[in-house]
């Protein structure tokens, strides 16, 4: 059995994607307004380089996802990620340069599944605090769907990755401090796994950290490999 370190896997991810994009002479487009995903892609996959472009899909996610009561987390995230892809491809096709140069486009959507409920971004600071208070009761799951499309051949693939996060009791003063920072309000489930205050109460993660952060790199590599094989 060969066990690879996380550092090795990060370097492999970086080299794989850079070679993939440059060998195929195509653009890499992240269809997301999320600075978290952009930073993760830049630092973890591309070694800090700027060899990708970011395009905001600009969709109404609430409207695109339909009823939250009827859909599973997997179906909901797939529906929204596909809607983001449709919007980004429409924007790109309006540009002559993108029509003439093939691009690989990546979109993503994520929700938190907790005790049978689907949690998205909190609508208020109080709801954010309620989310955080409840997380000591049971593990939460992050459900993240990726959609990858090749503008040259029209191929479109998708996949889902699920990770589990367990927190111990989080004191009220920590919760107040976390919410006051404001960053958790823009994250599904109202938590930022990298937050220094929350990290002190993190019991463990089952799955990949990048999946919890909203861009599962192993899944992305797999989808890119499949798209390359189909091109």
C-alpha atoms as a PDB file:
ATOM      1  CA  UNK A   1       0.000   0.000   0.000  1.00  0.00           C
ATOM      2  CA  UNK A   2       1.374   3.398  -1.020  1.00  0.00           C
ATOM      3  CA  UNK A   3       0.210   6.406   0.976  1.00  0.00           C
ATOM      4  CA  UNK A   4       0.724   9.840  -0.572  1.00  0.00           C
ATOM      5  CA  UNK A   5       1.070  12.945   1.562  1.00  0.00           C
ATOM      6  CA  UNK A   6      -1.357  15.857   1.238  1.00  0.00           C
ATOM      7  CA  UNK A   7       1.545  17.990  -0.020  1.00  0.00           C
ATOM      8  CA  UNK A   8       2.248  15.497  -2.813  1.00  0.00           C
ATOM      9  CA  UNK A   9      -1.421  15.413  -3.804  1.00  0.00           C
ATOM     10  CA  UNK A  10      -1.567  19.219  -3.906  1.00  0.00           C
ATOM     11  CA  UNK A  11       1.480  19.340  -6.179  1.00  0.00           C
ATOM     12  CA  UNK A  12       0.008  16.611  -8.373  1.00  0.00           C
ATOM     13  CA  UNK A  13      -3.265  18.548  -8.641  1.00  0.00           C
ATOM     14  CA  UNK A  14      -1.368  21.663  -9.641  1.00  0.00           C
ATOM     15  CA  UNK A  15       0.748  19.976 -12.328  1.00  0.00           C
ATOM     16  CA  UNK A  16      -2.229  18.016 -13.684  1.00  0.00           C
ATOM     17  CA  UNK A  17      -4.433  21.038 -14.263  1.00  0.00           C
ATOM     18  CA  UNK A  18      -1.693  23.284 -15.626  1.00  0.00           C
ATOM     19  CA  UNK A  19      -0.617  20.592 -18.092  1.00  0.00           C
ATOM     20  CA  UNK A  20      -4.245  19.860 -18.989  1.00  0.00           C
ATOM     21  CA  UNK A  21      -5.049  23.478 -19.836  1.00  0.00           C
ATOM     22  CA  UNK A  22      -1.816  24.305 -21.656  1.00  0.00           C
ATOM     23  CA  UNK A  23      -1.550  21.002 -23.541  1.00  0.00           C
ATOM     24  CA  UNK A  24      -5.071  21.412 -24.887  1.00  0.00           C
ATOM     25  CA  UNK A  25      -4.547  25.145 -25.531  1.00  0.00           C
ATOM     26  CA  UNK A  26      -7.746  26.152 -23.833  1.00  0.00           C
ATOM     27  CA  UNK A  27      -8.937  28.581 -21.216  1.00  0.00           C
ATOM     28  CA  UNK A  28      -9.991  27.581 -17.753  1.00  0.00           C
ATOM     29  CA  UNK A  29     -13.026  29.454 -16.473  1.00  0.00           C
ATOM     30  CA  UNK A  30     -14.399  29.312 -12.943  1.00  0.00           C
ATOM     31  CA  UNK A  31     -18.098  30.109 -13.135  1.00  0.00           C
ATOM     32  CA  UNK A  32     -18.509  31.453  -9.630  1.00  0.00           C
ATOM     33  CA  UNK A  33     -18.586  34.714  -7.707  1.00  0.00           C
ATOM     34  CA  UNK A  34     -17.079  32.974  -4.665  1.00  0.00           C
ATOM     35  CA  UNK A  35     -13.739  34.360  -3.559  1.00  0.00           C
ATOM     36  CA  UNK A  36     -13.270  31.167  -1.529  1.00  0.00           C
ATOM     37  CA  UNK A  37     -13.422  28.926  -4.590  1.00  0.00           C
ATOM     38  CA  UNK A  38     -11.263  31.295  -6.618  1.00  0.00           C
ATOM     39  CA  UNK A  39      -8.633  31.397  -3.906  1.00  0.00           C
ATOM     40  CA  UNK A  40      -8.687  27.621  -3.508  1.00  0.00           C
ATOM     41  CA  UNK A  41      -8.324  27.065  -7.241  1.00  0.00           C
ATOM     42  CA  UNK A  42      -5.504  29.576  -7.459  1.00  0.00           C
ATOM     43  CA  UNK A  43      -3.522  28.414  -4.454  1.00  0.00           C
ATOM     44  CA  UNK A  44      -4.155  24.699  -4.382  1.00  0.00           C
ATOM     45  CA  UNK A  45      -4.554  23.777  -8.031  1.00  0.00           C
ATOM     46  CA  UNK A  46      -2.528  26.367  -9.864  1.00  0.00           C
ATOM     47  CA  UNK A  47       0.240  27.009  -7.376  1.00  0.00           C
ATOM     48  CA  UNK A  48      -0.647  30.670  -7.028  1.00  0.00           C
ATOM     49  CA  UNK A  49      -0.666  31.437 -10.764  1.00  0.00           C
ATOM     50  CA  UNK A  50      -3.446  33.307 -12.552  1.00  0.00           C
ATOM     51  CA  UNK A  51      -4.047  30.858 -15.392  1.00  0.00           C
ATOM     52  CA  UNK A  52      -7.816  30.896 -15.003  1.00  0.00           C
ATOM     53  CA  UNK A  53     -10.587  33.441 -15.340  1.00  0.00           C
ATOM     54  CA  UNK A  54     -13.550  33.994 -13.063  1.00  0.00           C
ATOM     55  CA  UNK A  55     -17.042  34.722 -14.382  1.00  0.00           C
ATOM     56  CA  UNK A  56     -20.020  35.460 -12.149  1.00  0.00           C
ATOM     57  CA  UNK A  57     -23.063  33.449 -13.359  1.00  0.00           C
ATOM     58  CA  UNK A  58     -25.338  36.103 -11.887  1.00  0.00           C
ATOM     59  CA  UNK A  59     -28.298  33.788 -11.319  1.00  0.00           C
ATOM     60  CA  UNK A  60     -30.986  33.779  -8.644  1.00  0.00           C
ATOM     61  CA  UNK A  61     -30.063  30.561  -6.827  1.00  0.00           C
ATOM     62  CA  UNK A  62     -33.289  30.479  -4.827  1.00  0.00           C
ATOM     63  CA  UNK A  63     -35.353  30.575  -8.009  1.00  0.00           C
ATOM     64  CA  UNK A  64     -33.091  28.149  -9.876  1.00  0.00           C
ATOM     65  CA  UNK A  65     -33.197  25.494  -7.172  1.00  0.00           C
ATOM     66  CA  UNK A  66     -36.965  25.235  -6.867  1.00  0.00           C
ATOM     67  CA  UNK A  67     -38.610  23.792  -3.754  1.00  0.00           C
ATOM     68  CA  UNK A  68     -36.174  23.058  -0.918  1.00  0.00           C
ATOM     69  CA  UNK A  69     -38.683  20.783   0.781  1.00  0.00           C
ATOM     70  CA  UNK A  70     -39.042  18.415  -2.164  1.00  0.00           C
ATOM     71  CA  UNK A  71     -35.457  18.213  -3.471  1.00  0.00           C
ATOM     72  CA  UNK A  72     -32.602  16.205  -2.004  1.00  0.00           C
ATOM     73  CA  UNK A  73     -29.317  18.003  -1.343  1.00  0.00           C
ATOM     74  CA  UNK A  74     -27.747  16.192  -4.303  1.00  0.00           C
ATOM     75  CA  UNK A  75     -30.517  17.143  -6.720  1.00  0.00           C
ATOM     76  CA  UNK A  76     -30.687  20.717  -5.438  1.00  0.00           C
ATOM     77  CA  UNK A  77     -26.953  21.360  -5.841  1.00  0.00           C
ATOM     78  CA  UNK A  78     -26.912  19.723  -9.278  1.00  0.00           C
ATOM     79  CA  UNK A  79     -29.851  21.837 -10.448  1.00  0.00           C
ATOM     80  CA  UNK A  80     -28.188  25.056  -9.301  1.00  0.00           C
ATOM     81  CA  UNK A  81     -24.733  24.130 -10.618  1.00  0.00           C
ATOM     82  CA  UNK A  82     -26.275  23.305 -14.009  1.00  0.00           C
ATOM     83  CA  UNK A  83     -28.133  26.632 -14.019  1.00  0.00           C
ATOM     84  CA  UNK A  84     -24.850  28.409 -13.281  1.00  0.00           C
ATOM     85  CA  UNK A  85     -23.217  26.554 -16.173  1.00  0.00           C
ATOM     86  CA  UNK A  86     -26.014  27.536 -18.567  1.00  0.00           C
ATOM     87  CA  UNK A  87     -25.630  31.174 -17.550  1.00  0.00           C
ATOM     88  CA  UNK A  88     -21.830  31.198 -17.840  1.00  0.00           C
ATOM     89  CA  UNK A  89     -21.856  29.503 -21.245  1.00  0.00           C
ATOM     90  CA  UNK A  90     -24.377  32.057 -22.492  1.00  0.00           C
ATOM     91  CA  UNK A  91     -22.105  34.862 -21.325  1.00  0.00           C
ATOM     92  CA  UNK A  92     -19.041  33.282 -22.904  1.00  0.00           C
ATOM     93  CA  UNK A  93     -20.763  32.642 -26.217  1.00  0.00           C
ATOM     94  CA  UNK A  94     -21.468  36.362 -26.503  1.00  0.00           C
ATOM     95  CA  UNK A  95     -17.702  36.924 -26.636  1.00  0.00           C
ATOM     96  CA  UNK A  96     -15.975  36.354 -29.993  1.00  0.00           C
ATOM     97  CA  UNK A  97     -12.710  35.372 -28.331  1.00  0.00           C
ATOM     98  CA  UNK A  98     -14.366  32.643 -26.304  1.00  0.00           C
ATOM     99  CA  UNK A  99     -16.194  31.275 -29.314  1.00  0.00           C
ATOM    100  CA  UNK A 100     -12.885  30.908 -31.179  1.00  0.00           C
ATOM    101  CA  UNK A 101     -10.852  29.539 -28.247  1.00  0.00           C
ATOM    102  CA  UNK A 102     -12.049  26.378 -26.467  1.00  0.00           C
ATOM    103  CA  UNK A 103     -12.567  26.665 -22.733  1.00  0.00           C
ATOM    104  CA  UNK A 104     -13.125  24.320 -19.837  1.00  0.00           C
ATOM    105  CA  UNK A 105     -15.744  25.808 -17.533  1.00  0.00           C
ATOM    106  CA  UNK A 106     -16.248  24.733 -13.929  1.00  0.00           C
ATOM    107  CA  UNK A 107     -19.302  25.560 -11.822  1.00  0.00           C
ATOM    108  CA  UNK A 108     -20.147  24.399  -8.324  1.00  0.00           C
ATOM    109  CA  UNK A 109     -22.883  24.508  -5.743  1.00  0.00           C
ATOM    110  CA  UNK A 110     -22.877  23.423  -2.130  1.00  0.00           C
ATOM    111  CA  UNK A 111     -25.319  23.069   0.735  1.00  0.00           C
ATOM    112  CA  UNK A 112     -25.087  21.718   4.263  1.00  0.00           C
ATOM    113  CA  UNK A 113     -27.212  18.731   5.249  1.00  0.00           C
ATOM    114  CA  UNK A 114     -27.893  18.626   8.970  1.00  0.00           C
ATOM    115  CA  UNK A 115     -30.361  16.444  10.844  1.00  0.00           C
ATOM    116  CA  UNK A 116     -32.507  15.947   7.753  1.00  0.00           C
ATOM    117  CA  UNK A 117     -32.550  19.650   6.813  1.00  0.00           C
ATOM    118  CA  UNK A 118     -30.865  21.476   3.945  1.00  0.00           C
ATOM    119  CA  UNK A 119     -29.035  24.570   5.162  1.00  0.00           C
ATOM    120  CA  UNK A 120     -27.973  27.283   2.736  1.00  0.00           C
ATOM    121  CA  UNK A 121     -26.553  30.734   3.509  1.00  0.00           C
ATOM    122  CA  UNK A 122     -28.112  32.178   6.671  1.00  0.00           C
ATOM    123  CA  UNK A 123     -30.630  34.939   6.028  1.00  0.00           C
ATOM    124  CA  UNK A 124     -29.789  36.801   9.244  1.00  0.00           C
ATOM    125  CA  UNK A 125     -27.154  36.984  11.960  1.00  0.00           C
ATOM    126  CA  UNK A 126     -29.546  35.304  14.375  1.00  0.00           C
ATOM    127  CA  UNK A 127     -30.103  32.376  12.031  1.00  0.00           C
ATOM    128  CA  UNK A 128     -26.332  32.113  11.602  1.00  0.00           C
ATOM    129  CA  UNK A 129     -25.970  31.861  15.387  1.00  0.00           C
ATOM    130  CA  UNK A 130     -28.696  29.224  15.569  1.00  0.00           C
ATOM    131  CA  UNK A 131     -26.858  27.138  12.981  1.00  0.00           C
ATOM    132  CA  UNK A 132     -23.601  27.309  14.929  1.00  0.00           C
ATOM    133  CA  UNK A 133     -25.237  26.502  18.267  1.00  0.00           C
ATOM    134  CA  UNK A 134     -26.830  23.371  16.819  1.00  0.00           C
ATOM    135  CA  UNK A 135     -23.697  21.830  15.328  1.00  0.00           C
ATOM    136  CA  UNK A 136     -22.569  20.184  18.575  1.00  0.00           C
ATOM    137  CA  UNK A 137     -25.681  17.979  18.422  1.00  0.00           C
ATOM    138  CA  UNK A 138     -24.621  15.908  15.421  1.00  0.00           C
ATOM    139  CA  UNK A 139     -22.179  15.881  12.486  1.00  0.00           C
ATOM    140  CA  UNK A 140     -23.046  18.068   9.514  1.00  0.00           C
ATOM    141  CA  UNK A 141     -22.481  17.101   5.896  1.00  0.00           C
ATOM    142  CA  UNK A 142     -21.332  19.367   3.101  1.00  0.00           C
ATOM    143  CA  UNK A 143     -22.813  18.288  -0.226  1.00  0.00           C
ATOM    144  CA  UNK A 144     -20.947  19.798  -3.164  1.00  0.00           C
ATOM    145  CA  UNK A 145     -21.725  19.252  -6.846  1.00  0.00           C
ATOM    146  CA  UNK A 146     -19.339  20.166  -9.658  1.00  0.00           C
ATOM    147  CA  UNK A 147     -20.296  20.617 -13.304  1.00  0.00           C
ATOM    148  CA  UNK A 148     -17.517  20.734 -15.907  1.00  0.00           C
ATOM    149  CA  UNK A 149     -18.128  21.659 -19.556  1.00  0.00           C
ATOM    150  CA  UNK A 150     -15.897  21.725 -22.638  1.00  0.00           C
ATOM    151  CA  UNK A 151     -16.975  24.500 -25.003  1.00  0.00           C
ATOM    152  CA  UNK A 152     -15.109  22.904 -27.909  1.00  0.00           C
ATOM    153  CA  UNK A 153     -16.985  19.597 -28.053  1.00  0.00           C
ATOM    154  CA  UNK A 154     -20.052  20.382 -25.955  1.00  0.00           C
ATOM    155  CA  UNK A 155     -19.263  17.672 -23.424  1.00  0.00           C
ATOM    156  CA  UNK A 156     -20.701  18.299 -19.958  1.00  0.00           C
ATOM    157  CA  UNK A 157     -20.099  16.149 -16.887  1.00  0.00           C
ATOM    158  CA  UNK A 158     -21.019  16.381 -13.233  1.00  0.00           C
ATOM    159  CA  UNK A 159     -20.282  14.707  -9.925  1.00  0.00           C
ATOM    160  CA  UNK A 160     -20.985  15.119  -6.236  1.00  0.00           C
ATOM    161  CA  UNK A 161     -18.691  14.947  -3.217  1.00  0.00           C
ATOM    162  CA  UNK A 162     -19.823  14.687   0.401  1.00  0.00           C
ATOM    163  CA  UNK A 163     -17.741  15.428   3.481  1.00  0.00           C
ATOM    164  CA  UNK A 164     -18.668  15.292   7.151  1.00  0.00           C
ATOM    165  CA  UNK A 165     -17.719  17.835   9.812  1.00  0.00           C
ATOM    166  CA  UNK A 166     -18.086  17.392  13.563  1.00  0.00           C
ATOM    167  CA  UNK A 167     -17.979  20.263  16.052  1.00  0.00           C
ATOM    168  CA  UNK A 168     -17.997  20.144  19.823  1.00  0.00           C
ATOM    169  CA  UNK A 169     -19.949  22.708  21.863  1.00  0.00           C
ATOM    170  CA  UNK A 170     -19.216  26.245  20.662  1.00  0.00           C
ATOM    171  CA  UNK A 171     -19.433  28.920  23.387  1.00  0.00           C
ATOM    172  CA  UNK A 172     -21.805  31.823  22.766  1.00  0.00           C
ATOM    173  CA  UNK A 173     -18.983  34.370  22.895  1.00  0.00           C
ATOM    174  CA  UNK A 174     -17.186  32.471  20.116  1.00  0.00           C
ATOM    175  CA  UNK A 175     -20.364  32.302  18.059  1.00  0.00           C
ATOM    176  CA  UNK A 176     -20.905  36.054  18.493  1.00  0.00           C
ATOM    177  CA  UNK A 177     -17.331  36.743  17.427  1.00  0.00           C
ATOM    178  CA  UNK A 178     -17.556  34.485  14.368  1.00  0.00           C
ATOM    179  CA  UNK A 179     -20.818  36.001  13.153  1.00  0.00           C
ATOM    180  CA  UNK A 180     -19.563  39.533  13.780  1.00  0.00           C
ATOM    181  CA  UNK A 181     -16.734  38.932  11.325  1.00  0.00           C
ATOM    182  CA  UNK A 182     -19.378  38.582   8.600  1.00  0.00           C
ATOM    183  CA  UNK A 183     -17.704  35.907   6.504  1.00  0.00           C
ATOM    184  CA  UNK A 184     -19.924  33.091   7.761  1.00  0.00           C
ATOM    185  CA  UNK A 185     -22.999  34.894   6.445  1.00  0.00           C
ATOM    186  CA  UNK A 186     -21.872  34.224   2.872  1.00  0.00           C
ATOM    187  CA  UNK A 187     -21.272  30.504   3.447  1.00  0.00           C
ATOM    188  CA  UNK A 188     -23.794  27.689   3.308  1.00  0.00           C
ATOM    189  CA  UNK A 189     -24.542  26.458   6.788  1.00  0.00           C
ATOM    190  CA  UNK A 190     -23.155  29.689   8.227  1.00  0.00           C
ATOM    191  CA  UNK A 191     -19.691  28.384   9.050  1.00  0.00           C
ATOM    192  CA  UNK A 192     -16.161  28.920   7.731  1.00  0.00           C
ATOM    193  CA  UNK A 193     -14.130  25.788   8.406  1.00  0.00           C
ATOM    194  CA  UNK A 194     -10.847  27.748   8.300  1.00  0.00           C
ATOM    195  CA  UNK A 195     -11.985  30.278  10.904  1.00  0.00           C
ATOM    196  CA  UNK A 196      -9.457  30.400  13.754  1.00  0.00           C
ATOM    197  CA  UNK A 197     -12.132  30.645  16.455  1.00  0.00           C
ATOM    198  CA  UNK A 198     -14.219  27.780  15.096  1.00  0.00           C
ATOM    199  CA  UNK A 199     -11.165  25.626  14.486  1.00  0.00           C
ATOM    200  CA  UNK A 200     -10.617  25.373  18.243  1.00  0.00           C
ATOM    201  CA  UNK A 201     -13.932  23.519  18.536  1.00  0.00           C
ATOM    202  CA  UNK A 202     -13.535  21.312  15.470  1.00  0.00           C
ATOM    203  CA  UNK A 203     -13.620  17.643  16.474  1.00  0.00           C
ATOM    204  CA  UNK A 204     -12.841  16.196  13.063  1.00  0.00           C
ATOM    205  CA  UNK A 205     -13.477  16.039   9.316  1.00  0.00           C
ATOM    206  CA  UNK A 206     -14.311  12.927   7.334  1.00  0.00           C
ATOM    207  CA  UNK A 207     -13.451  13.713   3.727  1.00  0.00           C
ATOM    208  CA  UNK A 208     -11.306  16.338   2.051  1.00  0.00           C
ATOM    209  CA  UNK A 209     -10.908  19.851   3.401  1.00  0.00           C
ATOM    210  CA  UNK A 210     -11.258  21.345  -0.086  1.00  0.00           C
ATOM    211  CA  UNK A 211     -14.628  19.619  -0.427  1.00  0.00           C
ATOM    212  CA  UNK A 212     -15.813  21.292   2.779  1.00  0.00           C
ATOM    213  CA  UNK A 213     -14.508  24.579   1.365  1.00  0.00           C
ATOM    214  CA  UNK A 214     -16.654  24.188  -1.756  1.00  0.00           C
ATOM    215  CA  UNK A 215     -14.308  22.924  -4.487  1.00  0.00           C
ATOM    216  CA  UNK A 216     -13.510  19.183  -4.201  1.00  0.00           C
ATOM    217  CA  UNK A 217     -10.218  18.844  -6.045  1.00  0.00           C
ATOM    218  CA  UNK A 218     -10.185  15.059  -6.387  1.00  0.00           C
ATOM    219  CA  UNK A 219     -13.591  15.190  -8.051  1.00  0.00           C
ATOM    220  CA  UNK A 220     -12.466  18.053 -10.296  1.00  0.00           C
ATOM    221  CA  UNK A 221      -9.424  16.055 -11.449  1.00  0.00           C
ATOM    222  CA  UNK A 222     -11.633  13.072 -12.194  1.00  0.00           C
ATOM    223  CA  UNK A 223     -14.111  15.108 -14.257  1.00  0.00           C
ATOM    224  CA  UNK A 224     -11.302  16.824 -16.184  1.00  0.00           C
ATOM    225  CA  UNK A 225      -9.735  13.460 -16.955  1.00  0.00           C
ATOM    226  CA  UNK A 226     -13.064  12.198 -18.311  1.00  0.00           C
ATOM    227  CA  UNK A 227     -13.580  15.333 -20.394  1.00  0.00           C
ATOM    228  CA  UNK A 228     -10.092  14.992 -21.842  1.00  0.00           C
ATOM    229  CA  UNK A 229     -10.805  11.381 -22.783  1.00  0.00           C
ATOM    230  CA  UNK A 230     -14.059  12.394 -24.492  1.00  0.00           C
ATOM    231  CA  UNK A 231     -12.512  15.290 -26.447  1.00  0.00           C
END
